[in-house]
Amino acid sequence: MPQSFRRELVGHECSHVRKLGWASIQNGALIAKAEKAGYEVLITLDQGIPREQVSTTRSLAIFVIVPVQQGKNAVKVFAAEILESLTTVEPGAVKVFTHRPA
């Protein structure tokens, strides 16, 4: 996930795994650490996390972005939809964001 994406999520406190020193932590361990730290939502490009780590007992929601292309701007198209979803997300929810070109 590009670090710059957090600037798109205006009105929300956002962190990046690199800034937190968590870049080497993956999947379940990352989710557990984020939950313990009090985060409410994990936004990821890792499409495997939902299959591996979904649990209704989680206090953390997971948003998975599946961009059509690669690059820093590829995830920006999801910002408005993610911002809207942040207003209604429930703990333990998993939401996959895919952009289908018109």
PDB file of N, CA and C in Angstrom:
ATOM      1  N   MET A   1       0.853  -1.170   0.000  1.00  0.00           N
ATOM      2  CA  MET A   1       0.000   0.000   0.000  1.00  0.00           C
ATOM      3  C   MET A   1       0.898   1.232   0.000  1.00  0.00           C
ATOM      4  N   PRO A   2       0.696   2.130  -0.925  1.00  0.00           N
ATOM      5  CA  PRO A   2       1.500   3.353  -0.920  1.00  0.00           C
ATOM      6  C   PRO A   2       1.259   4.163   0.360  1.00  0.00           C
ATOM      7  N   GLN A   3       2.327   4.651   0.960  1.00  0.00           N
ATOM      8  CA  GLN A   3       2.189   5.451   2.168  1.00  0.00           C
ATOM      9  C   GLN A   3       1.363   6.706   1.913  1.00  0.00           C
ATOM     10  N   SER A   4       1.409   7.204   0.711  1.00  0.00           N
ATOM     11  CA  SER A   4       0.693   8.436   0.378  1.00  0.00           C
ATOM     12  C   SER A   4      -0.831   8.255   0.401  1.00  0.00           C
ATOM     13  N   PHE A   5      -1.318   7.026   0.352  1.00  0.00           N
ATOM     14  CA  PHE A   5      -2.757   6.791   0.328  1.00  0.00           C
ATOM     15  C   PHE A   5      -3.450   7.317   1.580  1.00  0.00           C
ATOM     16  N   ARG A   6      -2.739   7.329   2.686  1.00  0.00           N
ATOM     17  CA  ARG A   6      -3.374   7.796   3.925  1.00  0.00           C
ATOM     18  C   ARG A   6      -3.809   9.262   3.827  1.00  0.00           C
ATOM     19  N   ARG A   7      -3.168  10.036   2.957  1.00  0.00           N
ATOM     20  CA  ARG A   7      -3.583  11.428   2.752  1.00  0.00           C
ATOM     21  C   ARG A   7      -4.954  11.521   2.089  1.00  0.00           C
ATOM     22  N   GLU A   8      -5.368  10.460   1.434  1.00  0.00           N
ATOM     23  CA  GLU A   8      -6.679  10.429   0.773  1.00  0.00           C
ATOM     24  C   GLU A   8      -7.810  10.220   1.779  1.00  0.00           C
ATOM     25  N   LEU A   9      -7.479   9.727   2.959  1.00  0.00           N
ATOM     26  CA  LEU A   9      -8.487   9.382   3.961  1.00  0.00           C
ATOM     27  C   LEU A   9      -8.663  10.524   4.958  1.00  0.00           C
ATOM     28  N   VAL A  10      -9.054  11.654   4.435  1.00  0.00           N
ATOM     29  CA  VAL A  10      -9.215  12.878   5.203  1.00  0.00           C
ATOM     30  C   VAL A  10     -10.205  12.659   6.347  1.00  0.00           C
ATOM     31  N   GLY A  11      -9.828  13.141   7.529  1.00  0.00           N
ATOM     32  CA  GLY A  11     -10.694  13.031   8.689  1.00  0.00           C
ATOM     33  C   GLY A  11     -10.473  11.774   9.504  1.00  0.00           C
ATOM     34  N   HIS A  12      -9.511  10.964   9.092  1.00  0.00           N
ATOM     35  CA  HIS A  12      -9.215   9.716   9.799  1.00  0.00           C
ATOM     36  C   HIS A  12      -7.738   9.660  10.132  1.00  0.00           C
ATOM     37  N   GLU A  13      -7.434   9.127  11.295  1.00  0.00           N
ATOM     38  CA  GLU A  13      -6.043   8.922  11.678  1.00  0.00           C
ATOM     39  C   GLU A  13      -5.552   7.646  11.011  1.00  0.00           C
ATOM     40  N   CYS A  14      -4.493   7.760  10.249  1.00  0.00           N
ATOM     41  CA  CYS A  14      -3.975   6.622   9.494  1.00  0.00           C
ATOM     42  C   CYS A  14      -2.490   6.430   9.778  1.00  0.00           C
ATOM     43  N   SER A  15      -2.087   5.171   9.828  1.00  0.00           N
ATOM     44  CA  SER A  15      -0.683   4.822   9.990  1.00  0.00           C
ATOM     45  C   SER A  15      -0.308   3.834   8.900  1.00  0.00           C
ATOM     46  N   HIS A  16       0.974   3.683   8.675  1.00  0.00           N
ATOM     47  CA  HIS A  16       1.468   2.724   7.695  1.00  0.00           C
ATOM     48  C   HIS A  16       2.404   1.764   8.406  1.00  0.00           C
ATOM     49  N   VAL A  17       2.378   0.497   8.001  1.00  0.00           N
ATOM     50  CA  VAL A  17       3.205  -0.499   8.685  1.00  0.00           C
ATOM     51  C   VAL A  17       4.682  -0.110   8.703  1.00  0.00           C
ATOM     52  N   ARG A  18       5.153   0.524   7.655  1.00  0.00           N
ATOM     53  CA  ARG A  18       6.570   0.939   7.635  1.00  0.00           C
ATOM     54  C   ARG A  18       6.851   1.986   8.706  1.00  0.00           C
ATOM     55  N   LYS A  19       5.964   2.962   8.835  1.00  0.00           N
ATOM     56  CA  LYS A  19       6.150   4.016   9.837  1.00  0.00           C
ATOM     57  C   LYS A  19       6.081   3.464  11.257  1.00  0.00           C
ATOM     58  N   LEU A  20       5.305   2.401  11.440  1.00  0.00           N
ATOM     59  CA  LEU A  20       5.151   1.789  12.753  1.00  0.00           C
ATOM     60  C   LEU A  20       6.258   0.783  13.071  1.00  0.00           C
ATOM     61  N   GLY A  21       7.067   0.434  12.061  1.00  0.00           N
ATOM     62  CA  GLY A  21       8.100  -0.585  12.242  1.00  0.00           C
ATOM     63  C   GLY A  21       7.538  -1.993  12.196  1.00  0.00           C
ATOM     64  N   TRP A  22       6.385  -2.152  11.565  1.00  0.00           N
ATOM     65  CA  TRP A  22       5.710  -3.445  11.498  1.00  0.00           C
ATOM     66  C   TRP A  22       5.799  -4.095  10.121  1.00  0.00           C
ATOM     67  N   ALA A  23       6.634  -3.619   9.247  1.00  0.00           N
ATOM     68  CA  ALA A  23       6.674  -4.103   7.863  1.00  0.00           C
ATOM     69  C   ALA A  23       6.976  -5.595   7.754  1.00  0.00           C
ATOM     70  N   SER A  24       7.683  -6.159   8.714  1.00  0.00           N
ATOM     71  CA  SER A  24       8.022  -7.585   8.637  1.00  0.00           C
ATOM     72  C   SER A  24       6.952  -8.484   9.266  1.00  0.00           C
ATOM     73  N   ILE A  25       5.932  -7.883   9.853  1.00  0.00           N
ATOM     74  CA  ILE A  25       4.864  -8.648  10.497  1.00  0.00           C
ATOM     75  C   ILE A  25       3.769  -8.915   9.472  1.00  0.00           C
ATOM     76  N   GLN A  26       3.287 -10.137   9.430  1.00  0.00           N
ATOM     77  CA  GLN A  26       2.317 -10.485   8.401  1.00  0.00           C
ATOM     78  C   GLN A  26       1.070 -11.146   8.967  1.00  0.00           C
ATOM     79  N   ASN A  27       0.019 -11.082   8.185  1.00  0.00           N
ATOM     80  CA  ASN A  27      -1.244 -11.779   8.371  1.00  0.00           C
ATOM     81  C   ASN A  27      -1.781 -11.728   9.791  1.00  0.00           C
ATOM     82  N   GLY A  28      -1.988 -12.878  10.411  1.00  0.00           N
ATOM     83  CA  GLY A  28      -2.616 -12.935  11.728  1.00  0.00           C
ATOM     84  C   GLY A  28      -1.872 -12.149  12.781  1.00  0.00           C
ATOM     85  N   ALA A  29      -0.551 -12.201  12.750  1.00  0.00           N
ATOM     86  CA  ALA A  29       0.253 -11.458  13.727  1.00  0.00           C
ATOM     87  C   ALA A  29       0.070  -9.951  13.541  1.00  0.00           C
ATOM     88  N   LEU A  30      -0.024  -9.506  12.298  1.00  0.00           N
ATOM     89  CA  LEU A  30      -0.235  -8.083  12.015  1.00  0.00           C
ATOM     90  C   LEU A  30      -1.624  -7.644  12.492  1.00  0.00           C
ATOM     91  N   ILE A  31      -2.618  -8.455  12.212  1.00  0.00           N
ATOM     92  CA  ILE A  31      -3.972  -8.125  12.644  1.00  0.00           C
ATOM     93  C   ILE A  31      -4.046  -8.059  14.163  1.00  0.00           C
ATOM     94  N   ALA A  32      -3.458  -9.037  14.840  1.00  0.00           N
ATOM     95  CA  ALA A  32      -3.466  -9.060  16.308  1.00  0.00           C
ATOM     96  C   ALA A  32      -2.763  -7.830  16.880  1.00  0.00           C
ATOM     97  N   LYS A  33      -1.635  -7.455  16.290  1.00  0.00           N
ATOM     98  CA  LYS A  33      -0.887  -6.288  16.762  1.00  0.00           C
ATOM     99  C   LYS A  33      -1.694  -5.007  16.548  1.00  0.00           C
ATOM    100  N   ALA A  34      -2.340  -4.887  15.392  1.00  0.00           N
ATOM    101  CA  ALA A  34      -3.157  -3.716  15.093  1.00  0.00           C
ATOM    102  C   ALA A  34      -4.350  -3.626  16.046  1.00  0.00           C
ATOM    103  N   GLU A  35      -4.966  -4.763  16.331  1.00  0.00           N
ATOM    104  CA  GLU A  35      -6.082  -4.777  17.283  1.00  0.00           C
ATOM    105  C   GLU A  35      -5.619  -4.343  18.668  1.00  0.00           C
ATOM    106  N   LYS A  36      -4.505  -4.889  19.103  1.00  0.00           N
ATOM    107  CA  LYS A  36      -3.968  -4.557  20.430  1.00  0.00           C
ATOM    108  C   LYS A  36      -3.629  -3.071  20.526  1.00  0.00           C
ATOM    109  N   ALA A  37      -3.186  -2.488  19.414  1.00  0.00           N
ATOM    110  CA  ALA A  37      -2.833  -1.066  19.380  1.00  0.00           C
ATOM    111  C   ALA A  37      -4.070  -0.170  19.279  1.00  0.00           C
ATOM    112  N   GLY A  38      -5.243  -0.764  19.100  1.00  0.00           N
ATOM    113  CA  GLY A  38      -6.479   0.013  19.074  1.00  0.00           C
ATOM    114  C   GLY A  38      -6.972   0.434  17.702  1.00  0.00           C
ATOM    115  N   TYR A  39      -6.355  -0.077  16.645  1.00  0.00           N
ATOM    116  CA  TYR A  39      -6.829   0.266  15.301  1.00  0.00           C
ATOM    117  C   TYR A  39      -8.184  -0.382  15.048  1.00  0.00           C
ATOM    118  N   GLU A  40      -9.015   0.276  14.277  1.00  0.00           N
ATOM    119  CA  GLU A  40     -10.353  -0.218  13.979  1.00  0.00           C
ATOM    120  C   GLU A  40     -10.455  -0.872  12.612  1.00  0.00           C
ATOM    121  N   VAL A  41      -9.599  -0.439  11.667  1.00  0.00           N
ATOM    122  CA  VAL A  41      -9.646  -0.951  10.300  1.00  0.00           C
ATOM    123  C   VAL A  41      -8.222  -1.164   9.796  1.00  0.00           C
ATOM    124  N   LEU A  42      -8.026  -2.279   9.109  1.00  0.00           N
ATOM    125  CA  LEU A  42      -6.766  -2.559   8.418  1.00  0.00           C
ATOM    126  C   LEU A  42      -7.072  -2.517   6.930  1.00  0.00           C
ATOM    127  N   ILE A  43      -6.364  -1.661   6.204  1.00  0.00           N
ATOM    128  CA  ILE A  43      -6.534  -1.572   4.755  1.00  0.00           C
ATOM    129  C   ILE A  43      -5.314  -2.209   4.121  1.00  0.00           C
ATOM    130  N   THR A  44      -5.541  -3.168   3.244  1.00  0.00           N
ATOM    131  CA  THR A  44      -4.447  -3.953   2.683  1.00  0.00           C
ATOM    132  C   THR A  44      -4.662  -4.247   1.204  1.00  0.00           C
ATOM    133  N   LEU A  45      -3.581  -4.597   0.540  1.00  0.00           N
ATOM    134  CA  LEU A  45      -3.641  -5.099  -0.831  1.00  0.00           C
ATOM    135  C   LEU A  45      -3.540  -6.626  -0.847  1.00  0.00           C
ATOM    136  N   ASP A  46      -3.312  -7.239   0.306  1.00  0.00           N
ATOM    137  CA  ASP A  46      -3.131  -8.686   0.432  1.00  0.00           C
ATOM    138  C   ASP A  46      -4.477  -9.396   0.340  1.00  0.00           C
ATOM    139  N   GLN A  47      -4.753  -9.977  -0.817  1.00  0.00           N
ATOM    140  CA  GLN A  47      -6.025 -10.639  -1.046  1.00  0.00           C
ATOM    141  C   GLN A  47      -6.160 -11.945  -0.268  1.00  0.00           C
ATOM    142  N   GLY A  48      -5.077 -12.451   0.286  1.00  0.00           N
ATOM    143  CA  GLY A  48      -5.123 -13.693   1.052  1.00  0.00           C
ATOM    144  C   GLY A  48      -5.576 -13.514   2.481  1.00  0.00           C
ATOM    145  N   ILE A  49      -5.455 -12.324   3.017  1.00  0.00           N
ATOM    146  CA  ILE A  49      -5.793 -12.105   4.430  1.00  0.00           C
ATOM    147  C   ILE A  49      -7.234 -12.505   4.759  1.00  0.00           C
ATOM    148  N   PRO A  50      -8.231 -12.128   3.983  1.00  0.00           N
ATOM    149  CA  PRO A  50      -9.590 -12.515   4.374  1.00  0.00           C
ATOM    150  C   PRO A  50      -9.785 -14.019   4.482  1.00  0.00           C
ATOM    151  N   ARG A  51      -9.248 -14.779   3.569  1.00  0.00           N
ATOM    152  CA  ARG A  51      -9.402 -16.236   3.617  1.00  0.00           C
ATOM    153  C   ARG A  51      -8.694 -16.832   4.821  1.00  0.00           C
ATOM    154  N   GLU A  52      -7.570 -16.237   5.189  1.00  0.00           N
ATOM    155  CA  GLU A  52      -6.746 -16.783   6.261  1.00  0.00           C
ATOM    156  C   GLU A  52      -7.147 -16.297   7.645  1.00  0.00           C
ATOM    157  N   GLN A  53      -7.646 -15.091   7.747  1.00  0.00           N
ATOM    158  CA  GLN A  53      -7.755 -14.450   9.051  1.00  0.00           C
ATOM    159  C   GLN A  53      -9.143 -13.953   9.443  1.00  0.00           C
ATOM    160  N   VAL A  54     -10.177 -14.312   8.730  1.00  0.00           N
ATOM    161  CA  VAL A  54     -11.503 -13.796   9.033  1.00  0.00           C
ATOM    162  C   VAL A  54     -12.030 -14.423  10.317  1.00  0.00           C
ATOM    163  N   SER A  55     -12.573 -13.588  11.152  1.00  0.00           N
ATOM    164  CA  SER A  55     -13.184 -14.051  12.389  1.00  0.00           C
ATOM    165  C   SER A  55     -14.195 -13.019  12.850  1.00  0.00           C
ATOM    166  N   THR A  56     -15.370 -13.477  13.224  1.00  0.00           N
ATOM    167  CA  THR A  56     -16.389 -12.552  13.711  1.00  0.00           C
ATOM    168  C   THR A  56     -16.048 -12.023  15.095  1.00  0.00           C
ATOM    169  N   THR A  57     -15.039 -12.608  15.752  1.00  0.00           N
ATOM    170  CA  THR A  57     -14.644 -12.130  17.071  1.00  0.00           C
ATOM    171  C   THR A  57     -13.586 -11.039  16.990  1.00  0.00           C
ATOM    172  N   ARG A  58     -13.154 -10.704  15.816  1.00  0.00           N
ATOM    173  CA  ARG A  58     -12.161  -9.652  15.641  1.00  0.00           C
ATOM    174  C   ARG A  58     -12.744  -8.292  15.997  1.00  0.00           C
ATOM    175  N   SER A  59     -11.916  -7.443  16.597  1.00  0.00           N
ATOM    176  CA  SER A  59     -12.346  -6.071  16.876  1.00  0.00           C
ATOM    177  C   SER A  59     -11.944  -5.137  15.738  1.00  0.00           C
ATOM    178  N   LEU A  60     -11.299  -5.692  14.753  1.00  0.00           N
ATOM    179  CA  LEU A  60     -10.743  -4.942  13.630  1.00  0.00           C
ATOM    180  C   LEU A  60     -11.460  -5.355  12.349  1.00  0.00           C
ATOM    181  N   ALA A  61     -11.864  -4.393  11.546  1.00  0.00           N
ATOM    182  CA  ALA A  61     -12.403  -4.677  10.218  1.00  0.00           C
ATOM    183  C   ALA A  61     -11.240  -4.700   9.230  1.00  0.00           C
ATOM    184  N   ILE A  62     -11.413  -5.421   8.143  1.00  0.00           N
ATOM    185  CA  ILE A  62     -10.369  -5.517   7.121  1.00  0.00           C
ATOM    186  C   ILE A  62     -10.948  -5.062   5.791  1.00  0.00           C
ATOM    187  N   PHE A  63     -10.265  -4.101   5.173  1.00  0.00           N
ATOM    188  CA  PHE A  63     -10.618  -3.636   3.835  1.00  0.00           C
ATOM    189  C   PHE A  63      -9.501  -4.101   2.903  1.00  0.00           C
ATOM    190  N   VAL A  64      -9.868  -4.826   1.865  1.00  0.00           N
ATOM    191  CA  VAL A  64      -8.899  -5.310   0.882  1.00  0.00           C
ATOM    192  C   VAL A  64      -9.123  -4.563  -0.419  1.00  0.00           C
ATOM    193  N   ILE A  65      -8.083  -3.920  -0.904  1.00  0.00           N
ATOM    194  CA  ILE A  65      -8.150  -3.202  -2.179  1.00  0.00           C
ATOM    195  C   ILE A  65      -7.550  -4.089  -3.265  1.00  0.00           C
ATOM    196  N   VAL A  66      -8.311  -4.254  -4.357  1.00  0.00           N
ATOM    197  CA  VAL A  66      -7.850  -5.033  -5.503  1.00  0.00           C
ATOM    198  C   VAL A  66      -7.804  -4.098  -6.705  1.00  0.00           C
ATOM    199  N   PRO A  67      -6.670  -3.424  -6.910  1.00  0.00           N
ATOM    200  CA  PRO A  67      -6.590  -2.471  -8.020  1.00  0.00           C
ATOM    201  C   PRO A  67      -6.457  -3.173  -9.366  1.00  0.00           C
ATOM    202  N   VAL A  68      -6.901  -2.491 -10.407  1.00  0.00           N
ATOM    203  CA  VAL A  68      -6.809  -3.025 -11.763  1.00  0.00           C
ATOM    204  C   VAL A  68      -5.378  -2.917 -12.288  1.00  0.00           C
ATOM    205  N   GLN A  69      -4.673  -1.881 -11.865  1.00  0.00           N
ATOM    206  CA  GLN A  69      -3.305  -1.660 -12.319  1.00  0.00           C
ATOM    207  C   GLN A  69      -2.393  -1.481 -11.122  1.00  0.00           C
ATOM    208  N   GLN A  70      -1.126  -1.312 -11.375  1.00  0.00           N
ATOM    209  CA  GLN A  70      -0.165  -1.107 -10.297  1.00  0.00           C
ATOM    210  C   GLN A  70       0.294   0.347 -10.290  1.00  0.00           C
ATOM    211  N   GLY A  71       0.932   0.717  -9.204  1.00  0.00           N
ATOM    212  CA  GLY A  71       1.465   2.070  -9.102  1.00  0.00           C
ATOM    213  C   GLY A  71       0.801   2.840  -7.991  1.00  0.00           C
ATOM    214  N   LYS A  72       1.409   3.960  -7.638  1.00  0.00           N
ATOM    215  CA  LYS A  72       0.941   4.770  -6.514  1.00  0.00           C
ATOM    216  C   LYS A  72      -0.485   5.261  -6.687  1.00  0.00           C
ATOM    217  N   ASN A  73      -0.882   5.561  -7.911  1.00  0.00           N
ATOM    218  CA  ASN A  73      -2.213   6.120  -8.141  1.00  0.00           C
ATOM    219  C   ASN A  73      -3.304   5.064  -8.278  1.00  0.00           C
ATOM    220  N   ALA A  74      -2.929   3.797  -8.350  1.00  0.00           N
ATOM    221  CA  ALA A  74      -3.904   2.733  -8.583  1.00  0.00           C
ATOM    222  C   ALA A  74      -4.916   2.587  -7.458  1.00  0.00           C
ATOM    223  N   VAL A  75      -4.537   2.915  -6.232  1.00  0.00           N
ATOM    224  CA  VAL A  75      -5.465   2.770  -5.110  1.00  0.00           C
ATOM    225  C   VAL A  75      -6.275   4.035  -4.846  1.00  0.00           C
ATOM    226  N   LYS A  76      -5.852   5.154  -5.396  1.00  0.00           N
ATOM    227  CA  LYS A  76      -6.561   6.412  -5.147  1.00  0.00           C
ATOM    228  C   LYS A  76      -8.013   6.370  -5.590  1.00  0.00           C
ATOM    229  N   VAL A  77      -8.323   5.595  -6.615  1.00  0.00           N
ATOM    230  CA  VAL A  77      -9.700   5.525  -7.112  1.00  0.00           C
ATOM    231  C   VAL A  77     -10.648   4.926  -6.069  1.00  0.00           C
ATOM    232  N   PHE A  78     -10.114   4.302  -5.042  1.00  0.00           N
ATOM    233  CA  PHE A  78     -10.939   3.682  -4.012  1.00  0.00           C
ATOM    234  C   PHE A  78     -11.194   4.595  -2.814  1.00  0.00           C
ATOM    235  N   ALA A  79     -10.572   5.747  -2.761  1.00  0.00           N
ATOM    236  CA  ALA A  79     -10.629   6.610  -1.581  1.00  0.00           C
ATOM    237  C   ALA A  79     -12.058   6.988  -1.190  1.00  0.00           C
ATOM    238  N   ALA A  80     -12.861   7.445  -2.127  1.00  0.00           N
ATOM    239  CA  ALA A  80     -14.231   7.871  -1.798  1.00  0.00           C
ATOM    240  C   ALA A  80     -15.059   6.718  -1.264  1.00  0.00           C
ATOM    241  N   GLU A  81     -14.953   5.555  -1.888  1.00  0.00           N
ATOM    242  CA  GLU A  81     -15.718   4.386  -1.449  1.00  0.00           C
ATOM    243  C   GLU A  81     -15.268   3.923  -0.058  1.00  0.00           C
ATOM    244  N   ILE A  82     -13.979   3.975   0.185  1.00  0.00           N
ATOM    245  CA  ILE A  82     -13.462   3.591   1.504  1.00  0.00           C
ATOM    246  C   ILE A  82     -13.920   4.590   2.561  1.00  0.00           C
ATOM    247  N   LEU A  83     -13.825   5.869   2.262  1.00  0.00           N
ATOM    248  CA  LEU A  83     -14.289   6.884   3.208  1.00  0.00           C
ATOM    249  C   LEU A  83     -15.758   6.673   3.574  1.00  0.00           C
ATOM    250  N   GLU A  84     -16.571   6.364   2.596  1.00  0.00           N
ATOM    251  CA  GLU A  84     -17.985   6.106   2.854  1.00  0.00           C
ATOM    252  C   GLU A  84     -18.154   4.849   3.724  1.00  0.00           C
ATOM    253  N   SER A  85     -17.411   3.809   3.428  1.00  0.00           N
ATOM    254  CA  SER A  85     -17.511   2.558   4.182  1.00  0.00           C
ATOM    255  C   SER A  85     -17.028   2.705   5.614  1.00  0.00           C
ATOM    256  N   LEU A  86     -16.099   3.608   5.857  1.00  0.00           N
ATOM    257  CA  LEU A  86     -15.597   3.823   7.212  1.00  0.00           C
ATOM    258  C   LEU A  86     -16.681   4.328   8.161  1.00  0.00           C
ATOM    259  N   THR A  87     -17.711   4.936   7.620  1.00  0.00           N
ATOM    260  CA  THR A  87     -18.779   5.474   8.470  1.00  0.00           C
ATOM    261  C   THR A  87     -19.717   4.396   8.996  1.00  0.00           C
ATOM    262  N   THR A  88     -19.728   3.230   8.361  1.00  0.00           N
ATOM    263  CA  THR A  88     -20.675   2.182   8.754  1.00  0.00           C
ATOM    264  C   THR A  88     -20.028   0.838   9.060  1.00  0.00           C
ATOM    265  N   VAL A  89     -18.721   0.763   9.003  1.00  0.00           N
ATOM    266  CA  VAL A  89     -18.040  -0.527   9.159  1.00  0.00           C
ATOM    267  C   VAL A  89     -18.242  -1.091  10.567  1.00  0.00           C
ATOM    268  N   GLU A  90     -18.394  -2.404  10.630  1.00  0.00           N
ATOM    269  CA  GLU A  90     -18.562  -3.120  11.894  1.00  0.00           C
ATOM    270  C   GLU A  90     -17.286  -3.896  12.211  1.00  0.00           C
ATOM    271  N   PRO A  91     -16.945  -4.043  13.488  1.00  0.00           N
ATOM    272  CA  PRO A  91     -15.782  -4.851  13.866  1.00  0.00           C
ATOM    273  C   PRO A  91     -15.910  -6.274  13.307  1.00  0.00           C
ATOM    274  N   GLY A  92     -14.812  -6.802  12.801  1.00  0.00           N
ATOM    275  CA  GLY A  92     -14.797  -8.154  12.253  1.00  0.00           C
ATOM    276  C   GLY A  92     -15.223  -8.251  10.805  1.00  0.00           C
ATOM    277  N   ALA A  93     -15.718  -7.163  10.248  1.00  0.00           N
ATOM    278  CA  ALA A  93     -16.177  -7.174   8.853  1.00  0.00           C
ATOM    279  C   ALA A  93     -14.991  -7.237   7.898  1.00  0.00           C
ATOM    280  N   VAL A  94     -15.232  -7.829   6.749  1.00  0.00           N
ATOM    281  CA  VAL A  94     -14.247  -7.844   5.668  1.00  0.00           C
ATOM    282  C   VAL A  94     -14.942  -7.295   4.439  1.00  0.00           C
ATOM    283  N   LYS A  95     -14.332  -6.305   3.827  1.00  0.00           N
ATOM    284  CA  LYS A  95     -14.895  -5.713   2.613  1.00  0.00           C
ATOM    285  C   LYS A  95     -13.806  -5.666   1.555  1.00  0.00           C
ATOM    286  N   VAL A  96     -14.138  -6.136   0.371  1.00  0.00           N
ATOM    287  CA  VAL A  96     -13.197  -6.140  -0.751  1.00  0.00           C
ATOM    288  C   VAL A  96     -13.621  -5.057  -1.729  1.00  0.00           C
ATOM    289  N   PHE A  97     -12.676  -4.202  -2.079  1.00  0.00           N
ATOM    290  CA  PHE A  97     -12.909  -3.101  -3.010  1.00  0.00           C
ATOM    291  C   PHE A  97     -12.254  -3.441  -4.340  1.00  0.00           C
ATOM    292  N   THR A  98     -13.052  -3.534  -5.369  1.00  0.00           N
ATOM    293  CA  THR A  98     -12.524  -3.788  -6.705  1.00  0.00           C
ATOM    294  C   THR A  98     -13.025  -2.688  -7.625  1.00  0.00           C
ATOM    295  N   HIS A  99     -12.166  -2.250  -8.489  1.00  0.00           N
ATOM    296  CA  HIS A  99     -12.533  -1.188  -9.434  1.00  0.00           C
ATOM    297  C   HIS A  99     -12.701  -1.816 -10.801  1.00  0.00           C
ATOM    298  N   ARG A 100     -13.893  -1.701 -11.302  1.00  0.00           N
ATOM    299  CA  ARG A 100     -14.171  -2.226 -12.633  1.00  0.00           C
ATOM    300  C   ARG A 100     -14.320  -1.028 -13.571  1.00  0.00           C
ATOM    301  N   PRO A 101     -13.436  -0.921 -14.536  1.00  0.00           N
ATOM    302  CA  PRO A 101     -13.533   0.210 -15.462  1.00  0.00           C
ATOM    303  C   PRO A 101     -14.855   0.208 -16.220  1.00  0.00           C
ATOM    304  N   ALA A 102     -15.358   1.394 -16.509  1.00  0.00           N
ATOM    305  CA  ALA A 102     -16.637   1.523 -17.224  1.00  0.00           C
ATOM    306  C   ALA A 102     -16.487   1.134 -18.675  1.00  0.00           C
TER     307      ALA A 102
END
